[in-house]
Amino acid sequence: MRVPGPVQFQAADGYRMTARGVSIDMRDRRVVGSGGIDGVVPAGSFSSDQILADLAARTVVLNGHA
């Protein structure tokens, strides 16, 4: 599934991020954001060209200018 606009994620403990160009593979439980990402964590802010998330493994990888 492709999401036409930005996707915003927010957690109660201060984590926030916005991803663009998001595709979700429901069968493999993977999310790819290839249109840029930026966010804020308790330690500071971050940005990257791409995000890869494996929901089953609970991992997130930032690629490109992270």
PDB file of N, CA and C in Angstrom:
ATOM      1  N   MET A   1       0.847  -1.151   0.000  1.00  0.00           N
ATOM      2  CA  MET A   1       0.000   0.000   0.000  1.00  0.00           C
ATOM      3  C   MET A   1       0.905   1.230   0.000  1.00  0.00           C
ATOM      4  N   ARG A   2       0.570   2.225  -0.810  1.00  0.00           N
ATOM      5  CA  ARG A   2       1.323   3.482  -0.824  1.00  0.00           C
ATOM      6  C   ARG A   2       0.485   4.569  -0.164  1.00  0.00           C
ATOM      7  N   VAL A   3       1.113   5.388   0.642  1.00  0.00           N
ATOM      8  CA  VAL A   3       0.436   6.480   1.333  1.00  0.00           C
ATOM      9  C   VAL A   3       0.707   7.771   0.563  1.00  0.00           C
ATOM     10  N   PRO A   4      -0.338   8.509   0.146  1.00  0.00           N
ATOM     11  CA  PRO A   4      -0.136   9.669  -0.722  1.00  0.00           C
ATOM     12  C   PRO A   4       0.505  10.891  -0.050  1.00  0.00           C
ATOM     13  N   GLY A   5       0.417  11.030   1.238  1.00  0.00           N
ATOM     14  CA  GLY A   5       0.982  12.209   1.903  1.00  0.00           C
ATOM     15  C   GLY A   5       1.941  11.803   3.002  1.00  0.00           C
ATOM     16  N   PRO A   6       2.393  12.760   3.792  1.00  0.00           N
ATOM     17  CA  PRO A   6       3.308  12.438   4.886  1.00  0.00           C
ATOM     18  C   PRO A   6       2.623  11.585   5.954  1.00  0.00           C
ATOM     19  N   VAL A   7       3.411  10.728   6.586  1.00  0.00           N
ATOM     20  CA  VAL A   7       2.925   9.890   7.679  1.00  0.00           C
ATOM     21  C   VAL A   7       3.619  10.359   8.948  1.00  0.00           C
ATOM     22  N   GLN A   8       2.833  10.653   9.972  1.00  0.00           N
ATOM     23  CA  GLN A   8       3.384  11.118  11.230  1.00  0.00           C
ATOM     24  C   GLN A   8       3.238  10.041  12.293  1.00  0.00           C
ATOM     25  N   PHE A   9       4.332   9.797  13.015  1.00  0.00           N
ATOM     26  CA  PHE A   9       4.358   8.843  14.110  1.00  0.00           C
ATOM     27  C   PHE A   9       4.681   9.621  15.383  1.00  0.00           C
ATOM     28  N   GLN A  10       4.005   9.283  16.477  1.00  0.00           N
ATOM     29  CA  GLN A  10       4.283   9.960  17.737  1.00  0.00           C
ATOM     30  C   GLN A  10       4.046   8.986  18.881  1.00  0.00           C
ATOM     31  N   ALA A  11       4.978   8.960  19.834  1.00  0.00           N
ATOM     32  CA  ALA A  11       4.859   8.113  21.019  1.00  0.00           C
ATOM     33  C   ALA A  11       4.764   9.001  22.255  1.00  0.00           C
ATOM     34  N   ALA A  12       4.170   8.481  23.300  1.00  0.00           N
ATOM     35  CA  ALA A  12       3.977   9.246  24.527  1.00  0.00           C
ATOM     36  C   ALA A  12       5.284   9.632  25.206  1.00  0.00           C
ATOM     37  N   ASP A  13       6.373   8.919  24.898  1.00  0.00           N
ATOM     38  CA  ASP A  13       7.648   9.177  25.580  1.00  0.00           C
ATOM     39  C   ASP A  13       8.544  10.170  24.847  1.00  0.00           C
ATOM     40  N   GLY A  14       7.987  10.957  23.921  1.00  0.00           N
ATOM     41  CA  GLY A  14       8.750  12.031  23.295  1.00  0.00           C
ATOM     42  C   GLY A  14       9.300  11.739  21.923  1.00  0.00           C
ATOM     43  N   TYR A  15       9.055  10.569  21.381  1.00  0.00           N
ATOM     44  CA  TYR A  15       9.531  10.223  20.043  1.00  0.00           C
ATOM     45  C   TYR A  15       8.501  10.689  19.007  1.00  0.00           C
ATOM     46  N   ARG A  16       8.979  11.429  17.975  1.00  0.00           N
ATOM     47  CA  ARG A  16       8.119  11.871  16.883  1.00  0.00           C
ATOM     48  C   ARG A  16       8.888  11.785  15.586  1.00  0.00           C
ATOM     49  N   MET A  17       8.208  11.401  14.504  1.00  0.00           N
ATOM     50  CA  MET A  17       8.843  11.451  13.199  1.00  0.00           C
ATOM     51  C   MET A  17       7.793  11.601  12.114  1.00  0.00           C
ATOM     52  N   THR A  18       8.222  12.191  11.007  1.00  0.00           N
ATOM     53  CA  THR A  18       7.387  12.356   9.828  1.00  0.00           C
ATOM     54  C   THR A  18       8.136  11.752   8.656  1.00  0.00           C
ATOM     55  N   ALA A  19       7.472  10.838   7.952  1.00  0.00           N
ATOM     56  CA  ALA A  19       8.068  10.173   6.795  1.00  0.00           C
ATOM     57  C   ALA A  19       7.246  10.491   5.552  1.00  0.00           C
ATOM     58  N   ARG A  20       7.919  10.606   4.421  1.00  0.00           N
ATOM     59  CA  ARG A  20       7.262  10.876   3.145  1.00  0.00           C
ATOM     60  C   ARG A  20       7.589   9.759   2.161  1.00  0.00           C
ATOM     61  N   GLY A  21       6.732   9.583   1.161  1.00  0.00           N
ATOM     62  CA  GLY A  21       6.966   8.518   0.186  1.00  0.00           C
ATOM     63  C   GLY A  21       6.869   7.149   0.817  1.00  0.00           C
ATOM     64  N   VAL A  22       5.861   6.932   1.658  1.00  0.00           N
ATOM     65  CA  VAL A  22       5.760   5.717   2.453  1.00  0.00           C
ATOM     66  C   VAL A  22       5.016   4.611   1.696  1.00  0.00           C
ATOM     67  N   SER A  23       5.607   3.410   1.729  1.00  0.00           N
ATOM     68  CA  SER A  23       4.983   2.189   1.222  1.00  0.00           C
ATOM     69  C   SER A  23       4.946   1.189   2.365  1.00  0.00           C
ATOM     70  N   ILE A  24       3.815   0.490   2.487  1.00  0.00           N
ATOM     71  CA  ILE A  24       3.643  -0.498   3.553  1.00  0.00           C
ATOM     72  C   ILE A  24       3.345  -1.844   2.920  1.00  0.00           C
ATOM     73  N   ASP A  25       4.139  -2.854   3.289  1.00  0.00           N
ATOM     74  CA  ASP A  25       3.912  -4.218   2.835  1.00  0.00           C
ATOM     75  C   ASP A  25       3.290  -4.968   4.007  1.00  0.00           C
ATOM     76  N   MET A  26       1.984  -5.151   3.955  1.00  0.00           N
ATOM     77  CA  MET A  26       1.264  -5.768   5.069  1.00  0.00           C
ATOM     78  C   MET A  26       1.646  -7.246   5.245  1.00  0.00           C
ATOM     79  N   ARG A  27       1.897  -7.952   4.160  1.00  0.00           N
ATOM     80  CA  ARG A  27       2.235  -9.370   4.247  1.00  0.00           C
ATOM     81  C   ARG A  27       3.582  -9.571   4.948  1.00  0.00           C
ATOM     82  N   ASP A  28       4.589  -8.795   4.544  1.00  0.00           N
ATOM     83  CA  ASP A  28       5.927  -8.926   5.130  1.00  0.00           C
ATOM     84  C   ASP A  28       6.126  -8.052   6.363  1.00  0.00           C
ATOM     85  N   ARG A  29       5.146  -7.205   6.676  1.00  0.00           N
ATOM     86  CA  ARG A  29       5.188  -6.298   7.835  1.00  0.00           C
ATOM     87  C   ARG A  29       6.416  -5.393   7.794  1.00  0.00           C
ATOM     88  N   ARG A  30       6.600  -4.759   6.615  1.00  0.00           N
ATOM     89  CA  ARG A  30       7.712  -3.830   6.421  1.00  0.00           C
ATOM     90  C   ARG A  30       7.184  -2.487   5.939  1.00  0.00           C
ATOM     91  N   VAL A  31       7.873  -1.430   6.353  1.00  0.00           N
ATOM     92  CA  VAL A  31       7.526  -0.066   5.954  1.00  0.00           C
ATOM     93  C   VAL A  31       8.773   0.583   5.369  1.00  0.00           C
ATOM     94  N   VAL A  32       8.617   1.250   4.231  1.00  0.00           N
ATOM     95  CA  VAL A  32       9.705   1.985   3.604  1.00  0.00           C
ATOM     96  C   VAL A  32       9.225   3.408   3.371  1.00  0.00           C
ATOM     97  N   GLY A  33      10.002   4.368   3.803  1.00  0.00           N
ATOM     98  CA  GLY A  33       9.764   5.778   3.520  1.00  0.00           C
ATOM     99  C   GLY A  33      10.934   6.297   2.715  1.00  0.00           C
ATOM    100  N   SER A  34      10.720   6.593   1.444  1.00  0.00           N
ATOM    101  CA  SER A  34      11.846   6.963   0.583  1.00  0.00           C
ATOM    102  C   SER A  34      11.825   8.422   0.142  1.00  0.00           C
ATOM    103  N   GLY A  35      10.954   9.217   0.725  1.00  0.00           N
ATOM    104  CA  GLY A  35      10.877  10.625   0.345  1.00  0.00           C
ATOM    105  C   GLY A  35      11.398  11.570   1.406  1.00  0.00           C
ATOM    106  N   GLY A  36      12.221  11.066   2.293  1.00  0.00           N
ATOM    107  CA  GLY A  36      12.782  11.878   3.367  1.00  0.00           C
ATOM    108  C   GLY A  36      12.055  11.637   4.675  1.00  0.00           C
ATOM    109  N   ILE A  37      12.795  11.760   5.759  1.00  0.00           N
ATOM    110  CA  ILE A  37      12.240  11.584   7.103  1.00  0.00           C
ATOM    111  C   ILE A  37      12.925  12.553   8.048  1.00  0.00           C
ATOM    112  N   ASP A  38      12.159  13.051   9.001  1.00  0.00           N
ATOM    113  CA  ASP A  38      12.750  13.864  10.063  1.00  0.00           C
ATOM    114  C   ASP A  38      11.998  13.575  11.347  1.00  0.00           C
ATOM    115  N   GLY A  39      12.677  13.767  12.459  1.00  0.00           N
ATOM    116  CA  GLY A  39      12.043  13.457  13.725  1.00  0.00           C
ATOM    117  C   GLY A  39      12.798  14.003  14.915  1.00  0.00           C
ATOM    118  N   VAL A  40      12.210  13.732  16.076  1.00  0.00           N
ATOM    119  CA  VAL A  40      12.748  14.183  17.348  1.00  0.00           C
ATOM    120  C   VAL A  40      12.674  13.017  18.328  1.00  0.00           C
ATOM    121  N   VAL A  41      13.774  12.792  19.039  1.00  0.00           N
ATOM    122  CA  VAL A  41      13.845  11.810  20.117  1.00  0.00           C
ATOM    123  C   VAL A  41      14.345  12.545  21.357  1.00  0.00           C
ATOM    124  N   PRO A  42      14.242  11.939  22.538  1.00  0.00           N
ATOM    125  CA  PRO A  42      14.704  12.646  23.736  1.00  0.00           C
ATOM    126  C   PRO A  42      16.149  13.153  23.639  1.00  0.00           C
ATOM    127  N   ALA A  43      17.005  12.502  22.851  1.00  0.00           N
ATOM    128  CA  ALA A  43      18.406  12.914  22.734  1.00  0.00           C
ATOM    129  C   ALA A  43      18.622  14.035  21.710  1.00  0.00           C
ATOM    130  N   GLY A  44      17.610  14.370  20.912  1.00  0.00           N
ATOM    131  CA  GLY A  44      17.776  15.420  19.906  1.00  0.00           C
ATOM    132  C   GLY A  44      16.955  15.137  18.660  1.00  0.00           C
ATOM    133  N   SER A  45      17.335  15.792  17.570  1.00  0.00           N
ATOM    134  CA  SER A  45      16.589  15.630  16.320  1.00  0.00           C
ATOM    135  C   SER A  45      17.416  14.842  15.304  1.00  0.00           C
ATOM    136  N   PHE A  46      16.734  14.326  14.271  1.00  0.00           N
ATOM    137  CA  PHE A  46      17.419  13.566  13.232  1.00  0.00           C
ATOM    138  C   PHE A  46      16.688  13.745  11.912  1.00  0.00           C
ATOM    139  N   SER A  47      17.386  13.407  10.839  1.00  0.00           N
ATOM    140  CA  SER A  47      16.780  13.378   9.507  1.00  0.00           C
ATOM    141  C   SER A  47      17.543  12.360   8.663  1.00  0.00           C
ATOM    142  N   SER A  48      16.914  11.927   7.587  1.00  0.00           N
ATOM    143  CA  SER A  48      17.511  10.938   6.707  1.00  0.00           C
ATOM    144  C   SER A  48      16.778  10.953   5.375  1.00  0.00           C
ATOM    145  N   ASP A  49      17.412  10.376   4.363  1.00  0.00           N
ATOM    146  CA  ASP A  49      16.764  10.263   3.059  1.00  0.00           C
ATOM    147  C   ASP A  49      15.713   9.160   3.042  1.00  0.00           C
ATOM    148  N   GLN A  50      15.943   8.082   3.811  1.00  0.00           N
ATOM    149  CA  GLN A  50      15.080   6.914   3.743  1.00  0.00           C
ATOM    150  C   GLN A  50      14.986   6.231   5.099  1.00  0.00           C
ATOM    151  N   ILE A  51      13.832   5.637   5.358  1.00  0.00           N
ATOM    152  CA  ILE A  51      13.656   4.808   6.549  1.00  0.00           C
ATOM    153  C   ILE A  51      13.158   3.440   6.112  1.00  0.00           C
ATOM    154  N   LEU A  52      13.709   2.400   6.739  1.00  0.00           N
ATOM    155  CA  LEU A  52      13.280   1.021   6.528  1.00  0.00           C
ATOM    156  C   LEU A  52      12.892   0.471   7.890  1.00  0.00           C
ATOM    157  N   ALA A  53      11.661   0.012   8.023  1.00  0.00           N
ATOM    158  CA  ALA A  53      11.202  -0.529   9.301  1.00  0.00           C
ATOM    159  C   ALA A  53      10.701  -1.946   9.108  1.00  0.00           C
ATOM    160  N   ASP A  54      11.162  -2.847   9.952  1.00  0.00           N
ATOM    161  CA  ASP A  54      10.688  -4.223   9.987  1.00  0.00           C
ATOM    162  C   ASP A  54       9.847  -4.340  11.254  1.00  0.00           C
ATOM    163  N   LEU A  55       8.541  -4.367  11.089  1.00  0.00           N
ATOM    164  CA  LEU A  55       7.653  -4.346  12.246  1.00  0.00           C
ATOM    165  C   LEU A  55       7.738  -5.635  13.054  1.00  0.00           C
ATOM    166  N   ALA A  56       7.915  -6.769  12.392  1.00  0.00           N
ATOM    167  CA  ALA A  56       8.019  -8.048  13.099  1.00  0.00           C
ATOM    168  C   ALA A  56       9.287  -8.095  13.952  1.00  0.00           C
ATOM    169  N   ALA A  57      10.394  -7.612  13.415  1.00  0.00           N
ATOM    170  CA  ALA A  57      11.673  -7.617  14.141  1.00  0.00           C
ATOM    171  C   ALA A  57      11.827  -6.409  15.058  1.00  0.00           C
ATOM    172  N   ARG A  58      10.931  -5.424  14.901  1.00  0.00           N
ATOM    173  CA  ARG A  58      10.976  -4.181  15.689  1.00  0.00           C
ATOM    174  C   ARG A  58      12.293  -3.435  15.481  1.00  0.00           C
ATOM    175  N   THR A  59      12.699  -3.316  14.196  1.00  0.00           N
ATOM    176  CA  THR A  59      13.928  -2.587  13.859  1.00  0.00           C
ATOM    177  C   THR A  59      13.619  -1.444  12.894  1.00  0.00           C
ATOM    178  N   VAL A  60      14.414  -0.406  12.994  1.00  0.00           N
ATOM    179  CA  VAL A  60      14.313   0.750  12.109  1.00  0.00           C
ATOM    180  C   VAL A  60      15.727   1.101  11.648  1.00  0.00           C
ATOM    181  N   VAL A  61      15.881   1.312  10.339  1.00  0.00           N
ATOM    182  CA  VAL A  61      17.169   1.678   9.765  1.00  0.00           C
ATOM    183  C   VAL A  61      17.000   2.981   9.001  1.00  0.00           C
ATOM    184  N   LEU A  62      17.892   3.939   9.267  1.00  0.00           N
ATOM    185  CA  LEU A  62      17.918   5.202   8.522  1.00  0.00           C
ATOM    186  C   LEU A  62      19.038   5.106   7.494  1.00  0.00           C
ATOM    187  N   ASN A  63      18.730   5.429   6.238  1.00  0.00           N
ATOM    188  CA  ASN A  63      19.723   5.387   5.164  1.00  0.00           C
ATOM    189  C   ASN A  63      19.848   6.754   4.507  1.00  0.00           C
ATOM    190  N   GLY A  64      21.058   7.114   4.156  1.00  0.00           N
ATOM    191  CA  GLY A  64      21.306   8.325   3.380  1.00  0.00           C
ATOM    192  C   GLY A  64      21.246   9.610   4.184  1.00  0.00           C
ATOM    193  N   HIS A  65      22.384  10.204   4.382  1.00  0.00           N
ATOM    194  CA  HIS A  65      22.508  11.494   5.071  1.00  0.00           C
ATOM    195  C   HIS A  65      21.869  11.485   6.464  1.00  0.00           C
ATOM    196  N   ALA A  66      21.969  10.358   7.149  1.00  0.00           N
ATOM    197  CA  ALA A  66      21.377  10.246   8.486  1.00  0.00           C
ATOM    198  C   ALA A  66      22.221  11.009   9.496  1.00  0.00           C
TER     199      ALA A  66
END
